[in-house]
N, C-alpha and C. Protein backbone atom coordinates (compact mmCIF):
# COMPACT_ATOMS: atom_id res chain seq x y z
N MET A 1 -96.13 -27.78 43.89
CA MET A 1 -96.39 -29.19 44.03
C MET A 1 -96.00 -29.58 45.45
N SER A 2 -96.91 -30.22 46.17
CA SER A 2 -96.60 -30.65 47.53
C SER A 2 -97.49 -31.82 47.91
N CYS A 3 -97.11 -32.50 48.97
CA CYS A 3 -97.91 -33.59 49.49
C CYS A 3 -98.73 -33.08 50.65
N PHE A 4 -99.85 -33.74 50.89
CA PHE A 4 -100.67 -33.41 52.03
C PHE A 4 -99.97 -33.92 53.28
N CYS A 5 -99.87 -33.13 54.28
CA CYS A 5 -99.12 -33.53 55.48
C CYS A 5 -99.92 -33.21 56.73
N PHE A 6 -99.96 -34.14 57.67
CA PHE A 6 -100.58 -33.91 58.95
C PHE A 6 -99.50 -33.43 59.91
N LYS A 7 -99.70 -32.32 60.59
CA LYS A 7 -98.71 -31.75 61.49
C LYS A 7 -98.74 -32.42 62.86
N SER A 8 -99.86 -32.96 63.25
CA SER A 8 -100.01 -33.55 64.57
C SER A 8 -99.58 -35.00 64.59
N SER A 9 -99.09 -35.46 65.74
CA SER A 9 -98.74 -36.87 65.85
C SER A 9 -99.99 -37.73 65.98
N LYS A 10 -101.10 -37.12 66.40
CA LYS A 10 -102.36 -37.85 66.46
C LYS A 10 -103.07 -37.70 65.12
N VAL A 11 -103.81 -38.70 64.75
CA VAL A 11 -104.58 -38.62 63.52
C VAL A 11 -105.77 -37.72 63.76
N ASP A 12 -105.88 -36.67 62.97
CA ASP A 12 -107.02 -35.76 63.05
C ASP A 12 -108.00 -36.16 61.96
N ARG A 13 -109.00 -36.89 62.33
CA ARG A 13 -109.95 -37.43 61.37
C ARG A 13 -110.78 -36.36 60.68
N HIS A 14 -110.72 -35.14 61.16
CA HIS A 14 -111.51 -34.07 60.57
C HIS A 14 -110.71 -33.22 59.59
N ARG A 15 -109.42 -33.52 59.41
CA ARG A 15 -108.59 -32.77 58.47
C ARG A 15 -108.97 -33.13 57.04
N THR A 16 -108.85 -32.17 56.18
CA THR A 16 -109.10 -32.40 54.77
C THR A 16 -108.13 -33.45 54.24
N GLY A 17 -108.67 -34.42 53.51
CA GLY A 17 -107.82 -35.42 52.88
C GLY A 17 -107.68 -36.71 53.65
N TYR A 18 -108.03 -36.72 54.94
CA TYR A 18 -107.92 -37.95 55.71
C TYR A 18 -109.04 -38.89 55.31
N GLU A 19 -108.70 -40.15 55.13
CA GLU A 19 -109.71 -41.17 54.85
C GLU A 19 -109.48 -42.34 55.78
N GLU A 20 -110.55 -42.95 56.23
CA GLU A 20 -110.48 -44.07 57.16
C GLU A 20 -109.75 -45.25 56.53
N PRO A 21 -108.84 -45.87 57.27
CA PRO A 21 -108.13 -47.04 56.77
C PRO A 21 -109.07 -48.18 56.33
N ILE A 22 -110.18 -48.35 57.01
CA ILE A 22 -111.14 -49.41 56.63
C ILE A 22 -111.69 -49.17 55.24
N ILE A 23 -112.01 -47.92 54.94
CA ILE A 23 -112.54 -47.58 53.61
C ILE A 23 -111.47 -47.79 52.54
N LEU A 24 -110.26 -47.29 52.81
CA LEU A 24 -109.18 -47.44 51.83
C LEU A 24 -108.85 -48.92 51.61
N ALA A 25 -108.88 -49.71 52.66
CA ALA A 25 -108.62 -51.15 52.51
C ALA A 25 -109.69 -51.82 51.65
N SER A 26 -110.93 -51.37 51.79
CA SER A 26 -112.01 -51.97 51.00
C SER A 26 -111.94 -51.60 49.53
N GLU A 27 -111.25 -50.50 49.21
CA GLU A 27 -111.16 -50.03 47.82
C GLU A 27 -109.83 -50.38 47.15
N THR A 28 -108.92 -51.00 47.90
CA THR A 28 -107.60 -51.34 47.36
C THR A 28 -107.26 -52.78 47.72
N VAL A 29 -106.06 -53.21 47.37
CA VAL A 29 -105.61 -54.56 47.70
C VAL A 29 -104.93 -54.62 49.06
N PHE A 30 -104.83 -53.49 49.78
CA PHE A 30 -104.16 -53.44 51.07
C PHE A 30 -105.11 -53.86 52.20
N THR A 31 -104.52 -54.40 53.27
CA THR A 31 -105.28 -54.67 54.49
C THR A 31 -105.36 -53.39 55.30
N VAL A 32 -106.21 -53.37 56.31
CA VAL A 32 -106.31 -52.20 57.18
C VAL A 32 -104.96 -51.93 57.84
N HIS A 33 -104.29 -52.98 58.30
CA HIS A 33 -102.98 -52.83 58.94
C HIS A 33 -101.97 -52.22 57.96
N GLU A 34 -101.98 -52.67 56.71
CA GLU A 34 -101.07 -52.11 55.71
C GLU A 34 -101.37 -50.65 55.43
N VAL A 35 -102.66 -50.29 55.38
CA VAL A 35 -103.04 -48.89 55.17
C VAL A 35 -102.53 -48.03 56.33
N GLU A 36 -102.65 -48.54 57.55
CA GLU A 36 -102.15 -47.79 58.70
C GLU A 36 -100.64 -47.61 58.62
N ALA A 37 -99.92 -48.64 58.17
CA ALA A 37 -98.47 -48.52 57.99
C ALA A 37 -98.15 -47.53 56.88
N LEU A 38 -98.95 -47.54 55.82
CA LEU A 38 -98.76 -46.57 54.74
C LEU A 38 -98.97 -45.14 55.23
N TYR A 39 -99.88 -44.97 56.17
CA TYR A 39 -100.11 -43.64 56.72
C TYR A 39 -98.83 -43.12 57.40
N ASP A 40 -98.17 -44.00 58.14
CA ASP A 40 -96.91 -43.60 58.78
C ASP A 40 -95.88 -43.21 57.72
N LEU A 41 -95.77 -44.00 56.67
CA LEU A 41 -94.85 -43.69 55.57
C LEU A 41 -95.24 -42.38 54.89
N PHE A 42 -96.52 -42.21 54.64
CA PHE A 42 -97.04 -41.01 54.01
C PHE A 42 -96.65 -39.76 54.80
N ARG A 43 -96.80 -39.81 56.11
CA ARG A 43 -96.44 -38.68 56.95
C ARG A 43 -94.95 -38.38 56.87
N LYS A 44 -94.12 -39.43 56.80
CA LYS A 44 -92.67 -39.23 56.77
C LYS A 44 -92.20 -38.61 55.46
N ILE A 45 -92.81 -38.99 54.35
CA ILE A 45 -92.33 -38.51 53.06
C ILE A 45 -93.14 -37.36 52.47
N SER A 46 -94.18 -36.93 53.15
CA SER A 46 -95.09 -35.96 52.57
C SER A 46 -94.44 -34.62 52.24
N ASN A 47 -93.35 -34.29 52.87
CA ASN A 47 -92.67 -33.02 52.58
C ASN A 47 -91.38 -33.20 51.81
N SER A 48 -91.12 -34.39 51.30
CA SER A 48 -89.82 -34.62 50.68
C SER A 48 -89.91 -34.95 49.19
N ILE A 49 -90.81 -34.31 48.48
CA ILE A 49 -90.89 -34.49 47.04
C ILE A 49 -89.71 -33.79 46.38
N ILE A 50 -88.98 -34.52 45.55
CA ILE A 50 -87.84 -33.97 44.82
C ILE A 50 -88.32 -33.65 43.41
N LYS A 51 -87.96 -32.48 42.93
CA LYS A 51 -88.42 -32.07 41.60
C LYS A 51 -87.47 -32.61 40.53
N ASP A 52 -87.86 -33.72 39.94
CA ASP A 52 -87.16 -34.24 38.76
C ASP A 52 -88.21 -34.79 37.81
N GLY A 53 -87.82 -35.12 36.62
CA GLY A 53 -88.77 -35.53 35.60
C GLY A 53 -89.64 -36.71 35.97
N LEU A 54 -89.03 -37.81 36.41
CA LEU A 54 -89.80 -39.01 36.72
C LEU A 54 -90.69 -38.81 37.93
N LEU A 55 -90.13 -38.21 38.98
CA LEU A 55 -90.92 -38.01 40.18
C LEU A 55 -92.09 -37.08 39.90
N HIS A 56 -91.88 -36.10 39.03
CA HIS A 56 -92.98 -35.21 38.65
C HIS A 56 -94.10 -36.00 37.99
N LYS A 57 -93.77 -36.96 37.13
CA LYS A 57 -94.79 -37.79 36.48
C LYS A 57 -95.51 -38.66 37.50
N VAL A 58 -94.75 -39.21 38.44
CA VAL A 58 -95.37 -40.03 39.49
C VAL A 58 -96.29 -39.16 40.34
N PHE A 59 -95.83 -37.96 40.69
CA PHE A 59 -96.67 -37.03 41.45
C PHE A 59 -97.98 -36.78 40.70
N ASP A 60 -97.87 -36.48 39.41
CA ASP A 60 -99.06 -36.22 38.62
C ASP A 60 -100.00 -37.42 38.58
N LEU A 61 -99.42 -38.62 38.53
CA LEU A 61 -100.22 -39.84 38.54
C LEU A 61 -100.96 -40.00 39.86
N PHE A 62 -100.29 -39.70 40.97
CA PHE A 62 -100.90 -39.85 42.29
C PHE A 62 -101.92 -38.75 42.58
N ASP A 63 -101.70 -37.54 42.04
CA ASP A 63 -102.58 -36.40 42.30
C ASP A 63 -103.82 -36.49 41.42
N VAL A 64 -104.69 -37.42 41.75
CA VAL A 64 -105.87 -37.71 40.94
C VAL A 64 -106.79 -36.50 40.85
N LYS A 65 -106.92 -35.75 41.92
CA LYS A 65 -107.81 -34.58 41.95
C LYS A 65 -107.23 -33.38 41.22
N ARG A 66 -105.94 -33.45 40.84
CA ARG A 66 -105.25 -32.37 40.13
C ARG A 66 -105.32 -31.05 40.88
N ASN A 67 -105.12 -31.13 42.21
CA ASN A 67 -105.16 -29.92 43.02
C ASN A 67 -103.79 -29.54 43.57
N GLY A 68 -102.73 -30.21 43.07
CA GLY A 68 -101.37 -29.89 43.50
C GLY A 68 -100.99 -30.49 44.84
N VAL A 69 -101.83 -31.38 45.35
CA VAL A 69 -101.61 -32.00 46.65
C VAL A 69 -101.90 -33.49 46.53
N ILE A 70 -101.01 -34.32 47.09
CA ILE A 70 -101.31 -35.75 47.16
C ILE A 70 -101.90 -36.00 48.53
N GLU A 71 -103.19 -36.28 48.56
CA GLU A 71 -103.86 -36.58 49.81
C GLU A 71 -103.64 -38.05 50.16
N PHE A 72 -103.86 -38.41 51.40
CA PHE A 72 -103.58 -39.76 51.86
C PHE A 72 -104.34 -40.82 51.04
N GLY A 73 -105.60 -40.60 50.76
CA GLY A 73 -106.38 -41.55 49.98
C GLY A 73 -105.81 -41.73 48.58
N GLU A 74 -105.39 -40.65 47.95
CA GLU A 74 -104.77 -40.74 46.63
C GLU A 74 -103.47 -41.54 46.71
N PHE A 75 -102.71 -41.31 47.77
CA PHE A 75 -101.45 -42.01 47.99
C PHE A 75 -101.68 -43.52 48.09
N VAL A 76 -102.63 -43.92 48.92
CA VAL A 76 -102.91 -45.35 49.12
C VAL A 76 -103.46 -45.98 47.85
N ARG A 77 -104.42 -45.33 47.21
CA ARG A 77 -105.01 -45.90 45.99
C ARG A 77 -103.96 -46.03 44.88
N SER A 78 -103.08 -45.05 44.78
CA SER A 78 -102.04 -45.11 43.75
C SER A 78 -101.02 -46.20 44.04
N LEU A 79 -100.61 -46.34 45.28
CA LEU A 79 -99.67 -47.40 45.64
C LEU A 79 -100.28 -48.78 45.44
N SER A 80 -101.58 -48.86 45.56
CA SER A 80 -102.26 -50.14 45.40
C SER A 80 -101.99 -50.76 44.04
N ILE A 81 -101.75 -49.94 43.04
CA ILE A 81 -101.46 -50.41 41.69
C ILE A 81 -100.18 -51.25 41.66
N PHE A 82 -99.24 -50.94 42.54
CA PHE A 82 -97.95 -51.63 42.56
C PHE A 82 -97.93 -52.87 43.45
N HIS A 83 -99.02 -53.13 44.13
CA HIS A 83 -99.10 -54.28 45.04
C HIS A 83 -99.10 -55.58 44.23
N PRO A 84 -98.47 -56.63 44.73
CA PRO A 84 -98.44 -57.91 44.00
C PRO A 84 -99.83 -58.47 43.67
N ASN A 85 -100.83 -58.13 44.47
CA ASN A 85 -102.18 -58.64 44.21
C ASN A 85 -102.99 -57.77 43.25
N ALA A 86 -102.43 -56.66 42.82
CA ALA A 86 -103.14 -55.80 41.87
C ALA A 86 -103.18 -56.48 40.50
N SER A 87 -104.21 -56.19 39.76
CA SER A 87 -104.37 -56.83 38.45
C SER A 87 -103.31 -56.34 37.46
N GLU A 88 -102.99 -57.20 36.52
CA GLU A 88 -102.04 -56.80 35.47
C GLU A 88 -102.57 -55.63 34.66
N ALA A 89 -103.87 -55.62 34.43
CA ALA A 89 -104.48 -54.53 33.66
C ALA A 89 -104.26 -53.18 34.35
N SER A 90 -104.40 -53.15 35.68
CA SER A 90 -104.17 -51.92 36.43
C SER A 90 -102.72 -51.47 36.31
N LYS A 91 -101.81 -52.43 36.40
CA LYS A 91 -100.38 -52.10 36.31
C LYS A 91 -100.01 -51.58 34.93
N ILE A 92 -100.55 -52.19 33.90
CA ILE A 92 -100.27 -51.77 32.52
C ILE A 92 -100.83 -50.36 32.29
N SER A 93 -102.05 -50.13 32.76
CA SER A 93 -102.67 -48.83 32.61
C SER A 93 -101.84 -47.75 33.31
N CYS A 94 -101.35 -48.08 34.49
CA CYS A 94 -100.51 -47.14 35.25
C CYS A 94 -99.23 -46.83 34.48
N MET A 95 -98.57 -47.85 33.98
CA MET A 95 -97.31 -47.65 33.27
C MET A 95 -97.51 -46.83 32.00
N ILE A 96 -98.61 -47.03 31.33
CA ILE A 96 -98.92 -46.23 30.13
C ILE A 96 -99.07 -44.77 30.52
N SER A 97 -99.73 -44.50 31.65
CA SER A 97 -99.91 -43.12 32.13
C SER A 97 -98.57 -42.47 32.45
N VAL A 98 -97.64 -43.21 33.03
CA VAL A 98 -96.34 -42.65 33.41
C VAL A 98 -95.51 -42.35 32.18
N VAL A 99 -95.57 -43.20 31.18
CA VAL A 99 -94.76 -43.05 29.98
C VAL A 99 -95.23 -41.87 29.12
N LYS A 100 -96.52 -41.57 29.16
CA LYS A 100 -97.05 -40.48 28.33
C LYS A 100 -96.42 -39.16 28.64
């Protein structure tokens, strides 16, 4: 189990898993600026997954493709569920998935 990580300080738009902030913003409740800030956070935490029960469930929830990697787009779309502007239905559905 691991997170997708970019090794370069520059964004390599041709790397597997990278998605344009404009696209992610259009599909989530985040603004383009927020998606860019999430990218910085994503890079910082991408190698620091701790193996415990709850975090494992959260990892599984974020790893939509079920390929053992949380790609940036999966990270942003999953965090979008926790945003104050996300619908209650999305939040309830997410919580049900975590509890299972």
